[in-house]
Protein backbone atom coordinates (compact mmCIF):
# COMPACT_ATOMS: atom_id res chain seq x y z
CA MET A 1 0.00 0.00 0.00
CA SER A 2 1.44 3.40 -0.94
CA VAL A 3 1.74 6.32 1.42
CA TYR A 4 -1.12 8.03 -0.41
CA ASP A 5 -3.38 4.97 -0.07
CA ARG A 6 -2.73 5.02 3.68
CA LEU A 7 -3.42 8.75 3.92
CA LYS A 8 -6.69 8.29 2.02
CA ALA A 9 -7.70 5.38 4.26
CA LEU A 10 -7.05 7.61 7.29
CA GLY A 11 -9.09 10.44 5.77
CA ILE A 12 -6.09 12.78 5.77
CA GLU A 13 -5.64 15.55 3.23
CA LEU A 14 -2.21 17.14 3.38
CA PRO A 15 -1.90 20.91 3.73
CA SER A 16 0.44 23.03 1.67
CA VAL A 17 3.61 24.36 3.27
CA SER A 18 2.95 27.19 5.70
CA ALA A 19 4.91 30.41 5.41
CA PRO A 20 7.58 30.66 8.13
CA ALA A 21 6.67 32.89 11.07
CA ALA A 22 10.24 34.17 11.50
CA ALA A 23 13.69 34.14 9.85
CA TYR A 24 14.00 30.50 8.76
CA VAL A 25 13.00 28.15 5.93
CA PRO A 26 10.47 25.30 6.29
CA PHE A 27 13.00 22.63 5.35
CA VAL A 28 16.59 22.05 4.27
CA ARG A 29 17.72 19.11 2.18
CA THR A 30 21.35 17.99 2.31
CA GLY A 31 22.26 14.79 0.53
CA ASN A 32 19.61 12.22 1.30
CA LEU A 33 18.43 13.89 4.51
CA VAL A 34 15.64 16.43 4.88
CA PHE A 35 15.46 18.53 8.04
CA LEU A 36 12.02 20.03 8.72
CA SER A 37 11.81 23.11 10.90
CA GLY A 38 9.66 22.96 14.00
CA HIS A 39 5.92 23.09 13.34
CA ILE A 40 3.60 24.30 16.09
CA ALA A 41 0.23 22.78 16.79
CA LYS A 42 -2.62 24.53 14.99
CA ARG A 43 -6.37 24.18 15.26
CA ASP A 44 -8.60 25.88 12.71
CA GLY A 45 -5.53 27.58 11.22
CA LYS A 46 -4.54 29.28 14.48
CA PRO A 47 -2.01 28.30 17.15
CA TRP A 48 -3.39 25.54 19.38
CA VAL A 49 -2.69 27.32 22.64
CA GLY A 50 -2.29 25.55 25.94
CA LYS A 51 0.01 24.34 28.68
CA LEU A 52 0.06 20.65 29.50
CA GLY A 53 -0.55 20.06 33.19
CA LEU A 54 -2.34 23.40 33.58
CA ASP A 55 -5.17 23.84 31.08
CA THR A 56 -4.53 21.03 28.60
CA ASP A 57 -4.59 17.28 29.28
CA THR A 58 -2.44 14.53 27.79
CA ALA A 59 -5.16 13.27 25.41
CA THR A 60 -5.62 16.77 23.96
CA GLY A 61 -1.87 17.23 23.65
CA LYS A 62 -1.68 13.92 21.78
CA LEU A 63 -4.31 15.18 19.31
CA ALA A 64 -2.28 18.36 18.84
CA ALA A 65 0.87 16.31 18.14
CA ARG A 66 -1.08 14.26 15.57
CA ALA A 67 -2.21 17.50 13.91
CA ILE A 68 1.43 18.61 13.73
CA ALA A 69 2.36 15.30 12.09
CA ILE A 70 -0.12 16.07 9.31
CA ASP A 71 1.43 19.52 8.80
CA LEU A 72 4.91 17.97 8.83
CA LEU A 73 3.82 15.52 6.13
CA GLY A 74 2.66 18.43 3.97
CA THR A 75 6.04 20.08 4.32
CA LEU A 76 7.89 16.82 3.75
CA GLN A 77 5.88 16.27 0.58
CA ALA A 78 7.07 19.65 -0.72
CA ALA A 79 10.65 18.84 0.28
CA VAL A 80 10.66 15.66 -1.83
CA GLY A 81 9.16 17.26 -4.92
CA GLY A 82 5.58 16.19 -4.27
CA ASP A 83 6.01 12.44 -3.77
CA LEU A 84 6.07 11.06 -0.22
CA ASN A 85 6.84 7.61 -1.63
CA LYS A 86 10.43 8.92 -1.94
CA VAL A 87 10.72 8.87 1.85
CA GLU A 88 12.96 5.95 2.79
CA ARG A 89 12.74 6.42 6.54
CA ILE A 90 11.66 8.82 9.25
CA VAL A 91 14.93 9.20 11.12
CA LYS A 92 14.21 11.45 14.10
CA VAL A 93 11.40 13.42 15.73
CA MET A 94 12.00 16.07 18.36
CA SER A 95 9.03 17.32 20.36
CA LEU A 96 8.78 20.36 22.61
CA VAL A 97 5.76 20.20 24.91
CA ASN A 98 4.63 23.43 26.55
CA SER A 99 4.14 22.12 30.07
CA THR A 100 4.28 22.81 33.77
CA GLY A 101 7.25 21.63 35.80
CA GLU A 102 5.10 18.90 37.33
CA PHE A 103 3.86 17.45 33.99
CA THR A 104 5.74 14.27 33.07
CA GLU A 105 3.82 12.81 30.10
CA GLN A 106 5.61 14.58 27.25
CA HIS A 107 6.41 11.17 25.75
CA LEU A 108 2.70 10.26 25.65
CA VAL A 109 1.81 13.58 24.00
CA THR A 110 4.48 13.01 21.35
CA ASN A 111 3.03 9.58 20.59
CA GLY A 112 0.30 11.43 18.66
CA CYS A 113 2.93 12.29 16.05
CA SER A 114 4.95 9.08 16.21
CA GLU A 115 1.94 6.79 15.90
CA LEU A 116 0.61 8.61 12.84
CA LEU A 117 4.02 8.49 11.12
CA ALA A 118 4.11 4.71 11.70
CA GLU A 119 0.59 4.37 10.28
CA VAL A 120 1.45 6.39 7.18
CA PHE A 121 4.91 4.98 6.40
CA GLY A 122 4.58 1.53 7.96
CA ALA A 123 6.43 0.01 10.89
CA ASP A 124 9.84 -0.09 9.21
CA LYS A 125 9.98 3.30 7.48
CA GLY A 126 7.95 5.10 10.14
CA ALA A 127 9.89 3.92 13.20
CA HIS A 128 12.26 6.66 14.35
CA ALA A 129 14.54 7.91 17.08
CA ARG A 130 12.86 10.52 19.24
CA SER A 131 13.21 13.10 21.97
CA ALA A 132 10.34 14.68 23.91
CA PHE A 133 11.02 17.64 26.16
CA GLY A 134 8.93 19.68 28.53
CA VAL A 135 9.54 23.40 28.00
CA ALA A 136 8.36 26.57 29.71
CA GLN A 137 6.89 28.01 26.52
CA VAL A 138 6.51 27.39 22.79
CA PRO A 139 6.15 30.19 20.19
CA MET A 140 2.73 31.84 20.13
CA GLY A 141 1.70 29.88 23.22
CA ALA A 142 1.19 26.66 21.24
CA CYS A 143 0.91 23.51 23.32
CA VAL A 144 3.38 21.49 21.21
CA GLU A 145 6.10 22.05 18.59
CA ILE A 146 7.70 19.21 16.63
CA GLU A 147 10.57 18.98 14.13
CA LEU A 148 11.50 16.00 11.95
CA ILE A 149 14.43 14.51 10.04
CA ALA A 150 13.77 12.10 7.15
CA GLN A 151 15.96 10.04 4.83
CA VAL A 152 14.80 10.34 1.22
CA ALA A 153 15.64 8.91 -2.19
């Protein structure tokens, strides 16, 4: 099953690349690696604001991370010239979770992204190294920000 068959089965339509909010580019390709800049969680086109452990629970954070994964896929598609089937492997995901000092479920929030990547690319290509950090704040008050590195053909 191709990546696009899986996306269709999941009911996912990929967005186009968003314009950067500051002085950076959405992705950089060097050799067979693509580095995607951090994407913040968005809901209805606006930052998905919240702080885990204060006004946002783990399940909601996981949904936000899944939404970021969809945005990341849109950017990755642009980075590989419009064909996600060129992705050989998701190499690394780094997640920044806007959370209180007491919140300790950053890894569960980040699963929202990791699980979707595995569904879309399959267990082999979608499995990746990962870091999940709790941070005091994310740009625009978003609850989660995630960046990604992929190996491509």
